[in-house]
Amino acid sequence: MTVLFHELLVPGWAETKVGVYELTRNENSGHKKDEGFSLPCHGVDPELFFSESQAMLETAKDLCTACPMRARCLEGALSRQEPWGVWGGEIFEDGQIVAAKRSPGRPRTAA
């Protein structure tokens, strides 16, 4: 099963489509008490996961560390060959996992 980013934004989707997961209950989420499940990527600017800044991408990766959907998110990103962004705690560039995002501009030449 693949997971789309917009699906992660829908409270309760994981318990019906994927199986029972212990999601962190967020009492301040603004949802009714029975809909109060949230994932770490909820409530943050999605641009954080697609930033050009390595520091912001590392922050996004840190949010994924304790996420109960991390493996599913990563699996979905790999199957879709996501072109870029942070998915499942990993940085993607051109559909591949990379250690760090390449800086914009032309590559440096050896002196």
C-alpha atoms as a PDB file:
ATOM      1  CA  MET A   1       0.000   0.000   0.000  1.00  0.00           C
ATOM      2  CA  THR A   2       1.248   3.462  -0.797  1.00  0.00           C
ATOM      3  CA  VAL A   3       0.714   6.562   1.301  1.00  0.00           C
ATOM      4  CA  LEU A   4       0.162   9.950  -0.297  1.00  0.00           C
ATOM      5  CA  PHE A   5       1.158  13.089   1.596  1.00  0.00           C
ATOM      6  CA  HIS A   6      -2.393  14.467   1.535  1.00  0.00           C
ATOM      7  CA  GLU A   7      -3.604  11.215   3.122  1.00  0.00           C
ATOM      8  CA  LEU A   8      -1.353  11.857   6.105  1.00  0.00           C
ATOM      9  CA  LEU A   9      -3.271  15.089   6.680  1.00  0.00           C
ATOM     10  CA  VAL A  10      -6.608  13.309   7.179  1.00  0.00           C
ATOM     11  CA  PRO A  11      -7.168  12.372  10.848  1.00  0.00           C
ATOM     12  CA  GLY A  12      -7.983   8.716  11.379  1.00  0.00           C
ATOM     13  CA  TRP A  13      -7.038   7.438   7.918  1.00  0.00           C
ATOM     14  CA  ALA A  14      -4.352   5.113   9.248  1.00  0.00           C
ATOM     15  CA  GLU A  15      -6.661   3.151  11.482  1.00  0.00           C
ATOM     16  CA  THR A  16      -9.054   2.354   8.642  1.00  0.00           C
ATOM     17  CA  LYS A  17      -6.728   1.794   5.668  1.00  0.00           C
ATOM     18  CA  VAL A  18      -3.495   0.464   7.142  1.00  0.00           C
ATOM     19  CA  GLY A  19      -4.358  -1.159  10.428  1.00  0.00           C
ATOM     20  CA  VAL A  20      -4.328  -0.236  14.075  1.00  0.00           C
ATOM     21  CA  TYR A  21      -1.448   2.047  15.019  1.00  0.00           C
ATOM     22  CA  GLU A  22      -0.916   3.855  18.256  1.00  0.00           C
ATOM     23  CA  LEU A  23      -0.993   7.415  17.070  1.00  0.00           C
ATOM     24  CA  THR A  24      -0.155  10.266  19.382  1.00  0.00           C
ATOM     25  CA  ARG A  25      -3.320  11.844  20.690  1.00  0.00           C
ATOM     26  CA  ASN A  26      -3.183  15.574  20.254  1.00  0.00           C
ATOM     27  CA  GLU A  27      -5.732  17.180  22.555  1.00  0.00           C
ATOM     28  CA  ASN A  28      -5.072  20.623  21.050  1.00  0.00           C
ATOM     29  CA  SER A  29      -5.560  19.531  17.456  1.00  0.00           C
ATOM     30  CA  GLY A  30      -8.922  21.257  17.048  1.00  0.00           C
ATOM     31  CA  HIS A  31     -10.582  17.951  16.141  1.00  0.00           C
ATOM     32  CA  LYS A  32     -13.284  16.252  18.164  1.00  0.00           C
ATOM     33  CA  LYS A  33     -11.915  14.061  20.920  1.00  0.00           C
ATOM     34  CA  ASP A  34     -12.535  10.851  18.956  1.00  0.00           C
ATOM     35  CA  GLU A  35     -10.748  12.357  15.936  1.00  0.00           C
ATOM     36  CA  GLY A  36      -7.763  13.674  17.901  1.00  0.00           C
ATOM     37  CA  PHE A  37      -5.070  11.576  16.230  1.00  0.00           C
ATOM     38  CA  SER A  38      -2.171  13.420  14.716  1.00  0.00           C
ATOM     39  CA  LEU A  39       1.111  12.699  13.068  1.00  0.00           C
ATOM     40  CA  PRO A  40       4.242  14.804  13.552  1.00  0.00           C
ATOM     41  CA  CYS A  41       3.856  16.288  10.063  1.00  0.00           C
ATOM     42  CA  HIS A  42       0.409  17.619  10.994  1.00  0.00           C
ATOM     43  CA  GLY A  43       0.308  21.231  11.996  1.00  0.00           C
ATOM     44  CA  VAL A  44       3.616  22.211  10.380  1.00  0.00           C
ATOM     45  CA  ASP A  45       4.149  24.038   7.123  1.00  0.00           C
ATOM     46  CA  PRO A  46       4.481  21.426   4.331  1.00  0.00           C
ATOM     47  CA  GLU A  47       7.189  23.625   2.784  1.00  0.00           C
ATOM     48  CA  LEU A  48       9.465  22.432   5.602  1.00  0.00           C
ATOM     49  CA  PHE A  49       9.565  19.009   3.906  1.00  0.00           C
ATOM     50  CA  PHE A  50      10.491  20.503   0.516  1.00  0.00           C
ATOM     51  CA  SER A  51      12.917  23.231   1.519  1.00  0.00           C
ATOM     52  CA  GLU A  52      16.140  24.154  -0.256  1.00  0.00           C
ATOM     53  CA  SER A  53      17.767  24.644   3.169  1.00  0.00           C
ATOM     54  CA  GLN A  54      19.618  21.618   4.529  1.00  0.00           C
ATOM     55  CA  ALA A  55      18.920  22.807   8.098  1.00  0.00           C
ATOM     56  CA  MET A  56      15.169  22.872   7.445  1.00  0.00           C
ATOM     57  CA  LEU A  57      15.298  19.418   5.845  1.00  0.00           C
ATOM     58  CA  GLU A  58      17.099  18.095   8.935  1.00  0.00           C
ATOM     59  CA  THR A  59      14.328  19.589  11.086  1.00  0.00           C
ATOM     60  CA  ALA A  60      11.755  17.795   8.925  1.00  0.00           C
ATOM     61  CA  LYS A  61      13.689  14.525   9.277  1.00  0.00           C
ATOM     62  CA  ASP A  62      13.723  14.980  13.064  1.00  0.00           C
ATOM     63  CA  LEU A  63       9.917  15.251  13.052  1.00  0.00           C
ATOM     64  CA  CYS A  64       9.754  11.825  11.405  1.00  0.00           C
ATOM     65  CA  THR A  65      11.908  10.094  14.028  1.00  0.00           C
ATOM     66  CA  ALA A  66       9.122   8.944  16.355  1.00  0.00           C
ATOM     67  CA  CYS A  67       6.312   8.836  13.782  1.00  0.00           C
ATOM     68  CA  PRO A  68       4.335   5.576  13.795  1.00  0.00           C
ATOM     69  CA  MET A  69       3.765   5.922  10.037  1.00  0.00           C
ATOM     70  CA  ARG A  70       7.433   6.446   9.159  1.00  0.00           C
ATOM     71  CA  ALA A  71       7.933   3.065   7.484  1.00  0.00           C
ATOM     72  CA  ARG A  72       4.690   3.317   5.473  1.00  0.00           C
ATOM     73  CA  CYS A  73       5.509   6.868   4.401  1.00  0.00           C
ATOM     74  CA  LEU A  74       8.990   5.826   3.262  1.00  0.00           C
ATOM     75  CA  GLU A  75       7.623   2.749   1.488  1.00  0.00           C
ATOM     76  CA  GLY A  76       5.099   4.883  -0.375  1.00  0.00           C
ATOM     77  CA  ALA A  77       7.706   7.455  -1.392  1.00  0.00           C
ATOM     78  CA  LEU A  78      10.009   4.741  -2.715  1.00  0.00           C
ATOM     79  CA  SER A  79       7.228   3.066  -4.680  1.00  0.00           C
ATOM     80  CA  ARG A  80       6.182   6.399  -6.225  1.00  0.00           C
ATOM     81  CA  GLN A  81       9.800   7.477  -6.764  1.00  0.00           C
ATOM     82  CA  GLU A  82       9.063  10.833  -5.163  1.00  0.00           C
ATOM     83  CA  PRO A  83      11.156  13.436  -6.973  1.00  0.00           C
ATOM     84  CA  TRP A  84      12.137  15.421  -3.876  1.00  0.00           C
ATOM     85  CA  GLY A  85      11.370  16.209  -0.256  1.00  0.00           C
ATOM     86  CA  VAL A  86      11.534  14.481   3.100  1.00  0.00           C
ATOM     87  CA  TRP A  87       9.507  11.275   3.245  1.00  0.00           C
ATOM     88  CA  GLY A  88       9.651   8.757   6.066  1.00  0.00           C
ATOM     89  CA  GLY A  89      12.612  10.534   7.629  1.00  0.00           C
ATOM     90  CA  GLU A  90      14.749  10.419   4.468  1.00  0.00           C
ATOM     91  CA  ILE A  91      15.697  13.109   1.968  1.00  0.00           C
ATOM     92  CA  PHE A  92      14.710  12.347  -1.620  1.00  0.00           C
ATOM     93  CA  GLU A  93      16.259  13.897  -4.696  1.00  0.00           C
ATOM     94  CA  ASP A  94      15.418  12.695  -8.197  1.00  0.00           C
ATOM     95  CA  GLY A  95      13.511   9.746  -6.762  1.00  0.00           C
ATOM     96  CA  GLN A  96      16.466   8.463  -4.730  1.00  0.00           C
ATOM     97  CA  ILE A  97      17.378   8.686  -1.043  1.00  0.00           C
ATOM     98  CA  VAL A  98      20.343  11.011  -0.510  1.00  0.00           C
ATOM     99  CA  ALA A  99      22.339  11.884   2.613  1.00  0.00           C
ATOM    100  CA  ALA A 100      22.063  15.632   1.970  1.00  0.00           C
ATOM    101  CA  LYS A 101      20.423  17.821  -0.615  1.00  0.00           C
ATOM    102  CA  ARG A 102      22.764  19.232  -3.204  1.00  0.00           C
ATOM    103  CA  SER A 103      23.153  23.006  -3.063  1.00  0.00           C
ATOM    104  CA  PRO A 104      21.439  24.923  -5.846  1.00  0.00           C
ATOM    105  CA  GLY A 105      23.586  26.156  -8.705  1.00  0.00           C
ATOM    106  CA  ARG A 106      26.392  24.623 -10.676  1.00  0.00           C
ATOM    107  CA  PRO A 107      28.624  22.007  -9.085  1.00  0.00           C
ATOM    108  CA  ARG A 108      31.997  23.251  -7.931  1.00  0.00           C
ATOM    109  CA  THR A 109      34.929  22.358 -10.122  1.00  0.00           C
ATOM    110  CA  ALA A 110      38.102  20.869  -8.748  1.00  0.00           C
ATOM    111  CA  ALA A 111      40.917  23.421  -8.521  1.00  0.00           C
END
